[in-house]
C-alpha atoms as a PDB file:
ATOM      1  CA  MET A   1      35.039  43.440 -47.131  1.00  0.00           C
ATOM      2  CA  ASN A   2      35.521  46.494 -44.905  1.00  0.00           C
ATOM      3  CA  ASP A   3      33.248  44.953 -42.292  1.00  0.00           C
ATOM      4  CA  PHE A   4      35.389  41.830 -42.217  1.00  0.00           C
ATOM      5  CA  LYS A   5      38.537  43.929 -41.795  1.00  0.00           C
ATOM      6  CA  THR A   6      37.071  46.085 -39.038  1.00  0.00           C
ATOM      7  CA  ASN A   7      35.926  43.051 -37.074  1.00  0.00           C
ATOM      8  CA  ASN A   8      39.316  41.401 -37.527  1.00  0.00           C
ATOM      9  CA  GLN A   9      41.188  44.469 -36.307  1.00  0.00           C
ATOM     10  CA  ASN A  10      39.158  44.540 -33.096  1.00  0.00           C
ATOM     11  CA  LEU A  11      39.713  40.814 -32.587  1.00  0.00           C
ATOM     12  CA  ILE A  12      43.476  40.999 -33.090  1.00  0.00           C
ATOM     13  CA  LEU A  13      43.897  43.999 -30.807  1.00  0.00           C
ATOM     14  CA  ASN A  14      42.149  42.105 -28.041  1.00  0.00           C
ATOM     15  CA  LEU A  15      44.229  38.990 -28.627  1.00  0.00           C
ATOM     16  CA  ASP A  16      47.450  40.986 -28.562  1.00  0.00           C
ATOM     17  CA  VAL A  17      46.618  42.698 -25.270  1.00  0.00           C
ATOM     18  CA  ASN A  18      45.453  39.504 -23.595  1.00  0.00           C
ATOM     19  CA  THR A  19      48.458  37.399 -24.609  1.00  0.00           C
ATOM     20  CA  LYS A  20      51.007  40.229 -24.286  1.00  0.00           C
ATOM     21  CA  SER A  21      52.700  38.676 -27.272  1.00  0.00           C
ATOM     22  CA  PRO A  22      53.310  40.937 -30.272  1.00  0.00           C
ATOM     23  CA  ILE A  23      54.538  37.910 -32.236  1.00  0.00           C
ATOM     24  CA  PHE A  24      51.361  35.965 -31.538  1.00  0.00           C
ATOM     25  CA  GLY A  25      49.261  38.988 -32.445  1.00  0.00           C
ATOM     26  CA  LYS A  26      51.180  39.559 -35.665  1.00  0.00           C
ATOM     27  CA  ASN A  27      50.819  35.915 -36.726  1.00  0.00           C
ATOM     28  CA  VAL A  28      47.091  35.942 -36.096  1.00  0.00           C
ATOM     29  CA  TRP A  29      46.778  39.306 -37.875  1.00  0.00           C
ATOM     30  CA  ASN A  30      48.524  37.877 -40.942  1.00  0.00           C
ATOM     31  CA  PHE A  31      46.251  34.821 -40.855  1.00  0.00           C
ATOM     32  CA  PHE A  32      43.137  36.998 -41.026  1.00  0.00           C
ATOM     33  CA  THR A  33      44.284  39.842 -43.286  1.00  0.00           C
ATOM     34  CA  HIS A  34      46.806  38.520 -45.816  1.00  0.00           C
ATOM     35  CA  LYS A  35      45.040  38.448 -49.180  1.00  0.00           C
ATOM     36  CA  ASN A  36      46.008  34.820 -49.753  1.00  0.00           C
ATOM     37  CA  SER A  37      45.183  33.652 -46.248  1.00  0.00           C
ATOM     38  CA  LYS A  38      42.559  30.920 -45.947  1.00  0.00           C
ATOM     39  CA  TYR A  39      40.282  33.326 -44.068  1.00  0.00           C
ATOM     40  CA  GLN A  40      40.487  36.076 -46.695  1.00  0.00           C
ATOM     41  CA  ILE A  41      39.981  33.661 -49.583  1.00  0.00           C
ATOM     42  CA  GLU A  42      36.875  32.295 -47.879  1.00  0.00           C
ATOM     43  CA  ALA A  43      35.657  35.826 -47.128  1.00  0.00           C
ATOM     44  CA  ARG A  44      35.973  36.796 -50.789  1.00  0.00           C
ATOM     45  CA  LYS A  45      34.099  33.668 -51.855  1.00  0.00           C
ATOM     46  CA  HIS A  46      31.336  34.517 -49.395  1.00  0.00           C
ATOM     47  CA  GLU A  47      31.046  38.089 -50.678  1.00  0.00           C
ATOM     48  CA  GLU A  48      31.028  36.955 -54.325  1.00  0.00           C
ATOM     49  CA  PHE A  49      28.357  34.388 -53.459  1.00  0.00           C
ATOM     50  CA  LYS A  50      26.107  37.050 -51.911  1.00  0.00           C
ATOM     51  CA  LEU A  51      26.688  39.471 -54.796  1.00  0.00           C
ATOM     52  CA  SER A  52      25.562  36.803 -57.269  1.00  0.00           C
ATOM     53  CA  PHE A  53      21.995  37.253 -55.958  1.00  0.00           C
ATOM     54  CA  LYS A  54      21.994  41.046 -56.284  1.00  0.00           C
ATOM     55  CA  LYS A  55      20.358  40.850 -59.715  1.00  0.00           C
ATOM     56  CA  TYR A  56      17.189  39.554 -58.045  1.00  0.00           C
ATOM     57  CA  GLN A  57      16.707  42.559 -55.765  1.00  0.00           C
ATOM     58  CA  THR A  58      14.137  44.029 -58.141  1.00  0.00           C
ATOM     59  CA  ASN A  59      13.063  40.680 -59.600  1.00  0.00           C
ATOM     60  CA  PRO A  60      11.610  38.501 -56.846  1.00  0.00           C
ATOM     61  CA  VAL A  61       9.586  36.504 -59.393  1.00  0.00           C
ATOM     62  CA  ASP A  62      12.768  35.469 -61.206  1.00  0.00           C
ATOM     63  CA  PHE A  63      14.333  34.509 -57.872  1.00  0.00           C
ATOM     64  CA  PHE A  64      11.405  32.186 -57.168  1.00  0.00           C
ATOM     65  CA  LYS A  65      11.548  30.658 -60.653  1.00  0.00           C
ATOM     66  CA  GLU A  66      15.320  30.206 -60.834  1.00  0.00           C
ATOM     67  CA  GLN A  67      16.367  29.603 -57.218  1.00  0.00           C
ATOM     68  CA  LEU A  68      13.252  28.137 -55.557  1.00  0.00           C
ATOM     69  CA  LYS A  69      12.509  25.843 -58.465  1.00  0.00           C
ATOM     70  CA  ASN A  70      10.393  23.375 -56.522  1.00  0.00           C
ATOM     71  CA  GLU A  71       7.990  26.000 -55.165  1.00  0.00           C
ATOM     72  CA  PRO A  72       4.778  26.489 -57.229  1.00  0.00           C
ATOM     73  CA  LEU A  73       3.984  30.049 -58.330  1.00  0.00           C
ATOM     74  CA  THR A  74       0.300  30.894 -58.651  1.00  0.00           C
ATOM     75  CA  THR A  75      -1.021  34.004 -60.368  1.00  0.00           C
ATOM     76  CA  ALA A  76      -1.806  35.522 -56.972  1.00  0.00           C
ATOM     77  CA  ARG A  77       1.732  34.986 -55.734  1.00  0.00           C
ATOM     78  CA  ILE A  78       3.256  36.452 -58.886  1.00  0.00           C
ATOM     79  CA  ASP A  79       1.056  39.548 -58.572  1.00  0.00           C
ATOM     80  CA  TYR A  80       2.034  39.920 -54.901  1.00  0.00           C
ATOM     81  CA  LEU A  81       5.754  39.503 -55.606  1.00  0.00           C
ATOM     82  CA  ASN A  82       5.579  42.187 -58.280  1.00  0.00           C
ATOM     83  CA  LEU A  83       4.177  44.567 -55.668  1.00  0.00           C
ATOM     84  CA  LEU A  84       7.344  44.098 -53.598  1.00  0.00           C
ATOM     85  CA  LYS A  85       9.405  45.898 -56.228  1.00  0.00           C
ATOM     86  CA  ASN A  86       8.059  49.375 -55.492  1.00  0.00           C
ATOM     87  CA  ASN A  87       6.039  49.107 -52.276  1.00  0.00           C
ATOM     88  CA  ASN A  88       7.295  48.955 -48.706  1.00  0.00           C
ATOM     89  CA  LEU A  89       4.057  48.399 -46.808  1.00  0.00           C
ATOM     90  CA  ILE A  90       1.604  45.733 -47.966  1.00  0.00           C
ATOM     91  CA  VAL A  91      -1.437  44.433 -46.111  1.00  0.00           C
ATOM     92  CA  ALA A  92      -2.653  41.101 -47.448  1.00  0.00           C
ATOM     93  CA  LYS A  93      -5.853  39.263 -46.609  1.00  0.00           C
ATOM     94  CA  VAL A  94      -5.479  35.521 -46.983  1.00  0.00           C
ATOM     95  CA  PRO A  95      -7.877  32.577 -46.776  1.00  0.00           C
ATOM     96  CA  ARG A  96      -6.905  29.718 -44.519  1.00  0.00           C
ATOM     97  CA  ASN A  97      -4.921  26.696 -45.658  1.00  0.00           C
ATOM     98  CA  ILE A  98      -3.362  28.105 -48.825  1.00  0.00           C
ATOM     99  CA  GLY A  99       0.265  27.749 -47.689  1.00  0.00           C
ATOM    100  CA  THR A 100       0.770  31.336 -46.512  1.00  0.00           C
ATOM    101  CA  SER A 101       3.437  30.296 -44.001  1.00  0.00           C
ATOM    102  CA  TYR A 102       5.439  28.697 -46.789  1.00  0.00           C
ATOM    103  CA  PHE A 103       5.096  31.780 -48.983  1.00  0.00           C
ATOM    104  CA  ILE A 104       6.229  34.027 -46.117  1.00  0.00           C
ATOM    105  CA  ASN A 105       9.379  31.976 -45.649  1.00  0.00           C
ATOM    106  CA  GLU A 106      10.108  32.030 -49.366  1.00  0.00           C
ATOM    107  CA  ILE A 107       9.814  35.836 -49.426  1.00  0.00           C
ATOM    108  CA  SER A 108      12.215  35.917 -46.487  1.00  0.00           C
ATOM    109  CA  ALA A 109      14.668  33.738 -48.422  1.00  0.00           C
ATOM    110  CA  TRP A 110      14.545  36.213 -51.331  1.00  0.00           C
ATOM    111  CA  PHE A 111      15.246  39.280 -49.173  1.00  0.00           C
ATOM    112  CA  TYR A 112      17.858  37.549 -47.004  1.00  0.00           C
ATOM    113  CA  SER A 113      19.771  36.312 -50.059  1.00  0.00           C
ATOM    114  CA  CYS A 114      19.573  39.330 -52.343  1.00  0.00           C
ATOM    115  CA  PHE A 115      20.423  42.189 -49.974  1.00  0.00           C
ATOM    116  CA  ILE A 116      23.911  41.568 -48.591  1.00  0.00           C
ATOM    117  CA  ASP A 117      23.502  43.038 -45.090  1.00  0.00           C
ATOM    118  CA  SER A 118      19.771  42.452 -44.774  1.00  0.00           C
ATOM    119  CA  LYS A 119      17.974  41.691 -41.533  1.00  0.00           C
ATOM    120  CA  VAL A 120      14.694  39.781 -41.602  1.00  0.00           C
ATOM    121  CA  PHE A 121      12.225  39.532 -38.710  1.00  0.00           C
ATOM    122  CA  LEU A 122       9.403  36.994 -39.008  1.00  0.00           C
ATOM    123  CA  THR A 123       6.640  37.195 -36.444  1.00  0.00           C
ATOM    124  CA  THR A 124       3.574  35.102 -35.740  1.00  0.00           C
ATOM    125  CA  GLY A 125       0.984  34.803 -32.994  1.00  0.00           C
ATOM    126  CA  LEU A 126       1.110  32.575 -29.947  1.00  0.00           C
ATOM    127  CA  PRO A 127       1.265  29.752 -28.989  1.00  0.00           C
ATOM    128  CA  VAL A 128       4.959  29.016 -29.519  1.00  0.00           C
ATOM    129  CA  SER A 129       4.009  26.018 -31.651  1.00  0.00           C
ATOM    130  CA  ASN A 130       3.021  28.527 -34.373  1.00  0.00           C
ATOM    131  CA  LEU A 131       6.543  29.945 -34.253  1.00  0.00           C
ATOM    132  CA  GLU A 132       8.070  26.478 -34.408  1.00  0.00           C
ATOM    133  CA  PHE A 133       5.913  25.638 -37.421  1.00  0.00           C
ATOM    134  CA  LEU A 134       6.998  28.823 -39.215  1.00  0.00           C
ATOM    135  CA  TYR A 135      10.688  28.255 -38.435  1.00  0.00           C
ATOM    136  CA  ASN A 136      10.601  24.571 -39.395  1.00  0.00           C
ATOM    137  CA  ILE A 137       9.538  25.545 -42.903  1.00  0.00           C
ATOM    138  CA  GLN A 138      12.630  27.717 -43.279  1.00  0.00           C
ATOM    139  CA  ASP A 139      14.712  24.920 -41.788  1.00  0.00           C
ATOM    140  CA  ASP A 140      13.463  22.658 -44.596  1.00  0.00           C
ATOM    141  CA  LEU A 141      14.309  25.325 -47.177  1.00  0.00           C
ATOM    142  CA  VAL A 142      17.851  25.593 -45.789  1.00  0.00           C
ATOM    143  CA  LYS A 143      18.331  21.857 -46.243  1.00  0.00           C
ATOM    144  CA  GLU A 144      16.788  21.780 -49.712  1.00  0.00           C
ATOM    145  CA  TYR A 145      18.307  24.899 -51.248  1.00  0.00           C
ATOM    146  CA  GLN A 146      22.034  24.908 -50.569  1.00  0.00           C
ATOM    147  CA  ASN A 147      22.335  27.086 -53.674  1.00  0.00           C
ATOM    148  CA  ILE A 148      20.956  29.850 -51.424  1.00  0.00           C
ATOM    149  CA  TYR A 149      22.143  28.906 -47.929  1.00  0.00           C
ATOM    150  CA  SER A 150      25.616  27.412 -48.449  1.00  0.00           C
ATOM    151  CA  TYR A 151      27.246  30.102 -46.256  1.00  0.00           C
ATOM    152  CA  SER A 152      24.498  30.238 -43.637  1.00  0.00           C
ATOM    153  CA  THR A 153      24.473  29.004 -40.056  1.00  0.00           C
ATOM    154  CA  ASN A 154      21.177  27.551 -38.890  1.00  0.00           C
ATOM    155  CA  ARG A 155      20.288  27.800 -35.200  1.00  0.00           C
ATOM    156  CA  LYS A 156      16.927  27.488 -33.493  1.00  0.00           C
ATOM    157  CA  PHE A 157      14.746  30.437 -34.605  1.00  0.00           C
ATOM    158  CA  SER A 158      17.732  32.136 -36.283  1.00  0.00           C
ATOM    159  CA  ILE A 159      19.584  31.805 -39.603  1.00  0.00           C
ATOM    160  CA  SER A 160      22.599  33.947 -40.448  1.00  0.00           C
ATOM    161  CA  SER A 161      25.492  34.310 -42.862  1.00  0.00           C
ATOM    162  CA  SER A 162      27.194  37.087 -40.842  1.00  0.00           C
ATOM    163  CA  SER A 163      26.553  39.417 -37.915  1.00  0.00           C
ATOM    164  CA  LEU A 164      24.975  41.842 -40.411  1.00  0.00           C
ATOM    165  CA  ASN A 165      22.896  39.380 -42.421  1.00  0.00           C
ATOM    166  CA  TYR A 166      20.369  37.282 -40.540  1.00  0.00           C
ATOM    167  CA  MET A 167      16.807  36.049 -40.161  1.00  0.00           C
ATOM    168  CA  HIS A 168      15.108  35.983 -36.723  1.00  0.00           C
ATOM    169  CA  TYR A 169      11.799  34.381 -35.702  1.00  0.00           C
ATOM    170  CA  MET A 170       9.676  35.973 -32.961  1.00  0.00           C
ATOM    171  CA  THR A 171       6.207  35.717 -31.439  1.00  0.00           C
ATOM    172  CA  ILE A 172       3.858  38.690 -31.295  1.00  0.00           C
ATOM    173  CA  PRO A 173       4.320  40.057 -27.753  1.00  0.00           C
ATOM    174  CA  ILE A 174       1.182  40.114 -25.611  1.00  0.00           C
ATOM    175  CA  SER A 175       2.730  40.185 -22.117  1.00  0.00           C
ATOM    176  CA  GLY A 176       4.676  42.940 -20.375  1.00  0.00           C
ATOM    177  CA  SER A 177       3.968  46.648 -20.435  1.00  0.00           C
ATOM    178  CA  LYS A 178       3.192  48.620 -23.574  1.00  0.00           C
ATOM    179  CA  TYR A 179       6.755  49.985 -23.586  1.00  0.00           C
ATOM    180  CA  GLU A 180       8.259  46.515 -23.203  1.00  0.00           C
ATOM    181  CA  ARG A 181       6.254  45.302 -26.173  1.00  0.00           C
ATOM    182  CA  GLU A 182       7.370  48.314 -28.199  1.00  0.00           C
ATOM    183  CA  ALA A 183      11.006  47.679 -27.271  1.00  0.00           C
ATOM    184  CA  LYS A 184      10.881  44.218 -28.845  1.00  0.00           C
ATOM    185  CA  TYR A 185      10.550  45.843 -32.270  1.00  0.00           C
ATOM    186  CA  GLY A 186      12.167  49.228 -31.757  1.00  0.00           C
ATOM    187  CA  GLY A 187      15.850  49.891 -32.401  1.00  0.00           C
ATOM    188  CA  LYS A 188      16.257  47.659 -35.434  1.00  0.00           C
ATOM    189  CA  PHE A 189      18.908  49.345 -37.558  1.00  0.00           C
ATOM    190  CA  GLY A 190      20.129  48.618 -41.047  1.00  0.00           C
ATOM    191  CA  LYS A 191      19.870  49.696 -44.647  1.00  0.00           C
ATOM    192  CA  ASP A 192      17.772  46.692 -45.631  1.00  0.00           C
ATOM    193  CA  LEU A 193      15.116  45.517 -43.170  1.00  0.00           C
ATOM    194  CA  LEU A 194      12.170  43.194 -43.708  1.00  0.00           C
ATOM    195  CA  PHE A 195       9.395  42.711 -41.148  1.00  0.00           C
ATOM    196  CA  ILE A 196       6.791  40.028 -41.858  1.00  0.00           C
ATOM    197  CA  PHE A 197       3.752  39.437 -39.638  1.00  0.00           C
ATOM    198  CA  ASP A 198       1.885  36.168 -40.001  1.00  0.00           C
ATOM    199  CA  MET A 199      -1.511  35.998 -38.240  1.00  0.00           C
ATOM    200  CA  ALA A 200      -1.238  39.785 -38.143  1.00  0.00           C
ATOM    201  CA  ASN A 201      -4.754  40.285 -36.802  1.00  0.00           C
ATOM    202  CA  ALA A 202      -3.127  39.659 -33.401  1.00  0.00           C
ATOM    203  CA  VAL A 203      -0.614  42.533 -33.719  1.00  0.00           C
ATOM    204  CA  PRO A 204      -1.216  45.031 -30.866  1.00  0.00           C
ATOM    205  CA  GLU A 205      -1.611  48.737 -31.547  1.00  0.00           C
ATOM    206  CA  GLU A 206       1.766  49.733 -30.109  1.00  0.00           C
ATOM    207  CA  ILE A 207       3.594  47.428 -32.536  1.00  0.00           C
ATOM    208  CA  LEU A 208       1.706  48.987 -35.446  1.00  0.00           C
ATOM    209  CA  GLN A 209       2.907  52.356 -34.185  1.00  0.00           C
ATOM    210  CA  VAL A 210       6.525  51.206 -34.114  1.00  0.00           C
ATOM    211  CA  MET A 211       6.187  49.901 -37.675  1.00  0.00           C
ATOM    212  CA  GLY A 212       4.753  53.279 -38.653  1.00  0.00           C
ATOM    213  CA  ILE A 213       7.978  54.906 -37.440  1.00  0.00           C
ATOM    214  CA  TYR A 214      10.054  52.675 -39.715  1.00  0.00           C
ATOM    215  CA  GLU A 215       8.008  53.911 -42.664  1.00  0.00           C
ATOM    216  CA  GLN A 216       9.533  57.348 -42.235  1.00  0.00           C
ATOM    217  CA  PHE A 217      13.067  56.184 -43.073  1.00  0.00           C
ATOM    218  CA  LYS A 218      12.683  56.657 -46.803  1.00  0.00           C
ATOM    219  CA  SER A 219      16.462  56.466 -47.451  1.00  0.00           C
ATOM    220  CA  SER A 220      16.478  52.826 -46.358  1.00  0.00           C
ATOM    221  CA  ASN A 221      14.962  49.729 -47.908  1.00  0.00           C
ATOM    222  CA  ILE A 222      12.498  48.839 -45.155  1.00  0.00           C
ATOM    223  CA  LYS A 223       9.568  46.601 -45.991  1.00  0.00           C
ATOM    224  CA  VAL A 224       6.699  45.741 -43.648  1.00  0.00           C
ATOM    225  CA  LEU A 225       4.373  42.942 -44.763  1.00  0.00           C
ATOM    226  CA  TYR A 226       1.172  41.997 -42.928  1.00  0.00           C
ATOM    227  CA  PHE A 227      -0.769  38.802 -43.614  1.00  0.00           C
ATOM    228  CA  TYR A 228      -4.264  38.785 -42.095  1.00  0.00           C
ATOM    229  CA  ASN A 229      -6.497  35.748 -41.838  1.00  0.00           C
ATOM    230  CA  GLU A 230      -9.862  36.138 -43.524  1.00  0.00           C
ATOM    231  CA  GLY A 231     -12.609  37.056 -41.057  1.00  0.00           C
ATOM    232  CA  GLN A 232     -13.987  39.807 -38.813  1.00  0.00           C
ATOM    233  CA  ALA A 233     -10.834  40.088 -36.687  1.00  0.00           C
ATOM    234  CA  SER A 234      -8.776  40.984 -39.726  1.00  0.00           C
ATOM    235  CA  LEU A 235     -11.228  43.738 -40.715  1.00  0.00           C
ATOM    236  CA  GLU A 236     -10.993  45.312 -37.268  1.00  0.00           C
ATOM    237  CA  ALA A 237      -7.203  45.184 -37.373  1.00  0.00           C
ATOM    238  CA  ASN A 238      -7.271  46.653 -40.865  1.00  0.00           C
ATOM    239  CA  ASN A 239      -9.268  49.660 -39.657  1.00  0.00           C
ATOM    240  CA  LYS A 240      -6.798  50.128 -36.814  1.00  0.00           C
ATOM    241  CA  LEU A 241      -3.955  50.035 -39.317  1.00  0.00           C
ATOM    242  CA  LYS A 242      -5.507  52.874 -41.310  1.00  0.00           C
ATOM    243  CA  ASP A 243      -5.293  55.154 -38.286  1.00  0.00           C
ATOM    244  CA  LEU A 244      -1.674  54.343 -37.475  1.00  0.00           C
ATOM    245  CA  THR A 245       0.075  54.273 -40.851  1.00  0.00           C
ATOM    246  CA  LYS A 246       0.351  56.671 -43.771  1.00  0.00           C
ATOM    247  CA  ASP A 247       0.233  54.745 -47.009  1.00  0.00           C
ATOM    248  CA  TYR A 248      -0.118  51.069 -47.653  1.00  0.00           C
ATOM    249  CA  ILE A 249      -1.071  48.711 -50.439  1.00  0.00           C
ATOM    250  CA  LYS A 250      -3.913  46.243 -49.946  1.00  0.00           C
ATOM    251  CA  PHE A 251      -3.790  42.815 -51.522  1.00  0.00           C
ATOM    252  CA  ASP A 252      -6.539  40.207 -51.330  1.00  0.00           C
ATOM    253  CA  PHE A 253      -5.576  36.597 -51.974  1.00  0.00           C
ATOM    254  CA  CYS A 254      -9.226  35.692 -51.454  1.00  0.00           C
ATOM    255  CA  GLU A 255     -10.108  37.235 -54.816  1.00  0.00           C
ATOM    256  CA  TYR A 256      -8.087  34.640 -56.750  1.00  0.00           C
END
């Protein structure tokens, strides 16, 4: 609730200066801050709604079973979800056409819902049609699961419930200088961050380096998940990953 109050204070101060009307400013201030105001009642409902998912932070499997009831859970997916409890960097090899893009979006829904001020960044390779495909899956989830997204705003390639809690969709950068590509992923701040890379065999070395930096923030809940397509390209990328990161967990969906 402190974040709501801080944002409101800044808004009211600006309104008061611009209108030069202390009465106007006071009325607006009361509208936003009085405990029984419509805004504050809605803000409390929103916070209570988000807190109701907190119990799933360490139980992603239960979140899938109880909140994403229409999504099938295979043994492989259950084993992978259990890894998320205690591991922040997971490299997964996946065969083609097993619904990985759907699974990625469902993991994003879990993190986005269960960590109040979480920020989720989903990335896939070009062309842009890949990004549209990935986002459209989440768009379908938003429509189907209002039990999760009732306070969320859905815009193209972005879903959010507040300025601190959102999900962004991006393509893996291949143009621009090395530093420009790094900048696209650098400077992401927050206590709870999730980075997911679909088609991760296309991730350039400099992005792997940036992700390696995030690993060092042990006081934060920062998860980096790579999903590689089965094949030679993924093996080469995997070897590159070994040189640029400290510790990671390997998971092979192809073994199931």
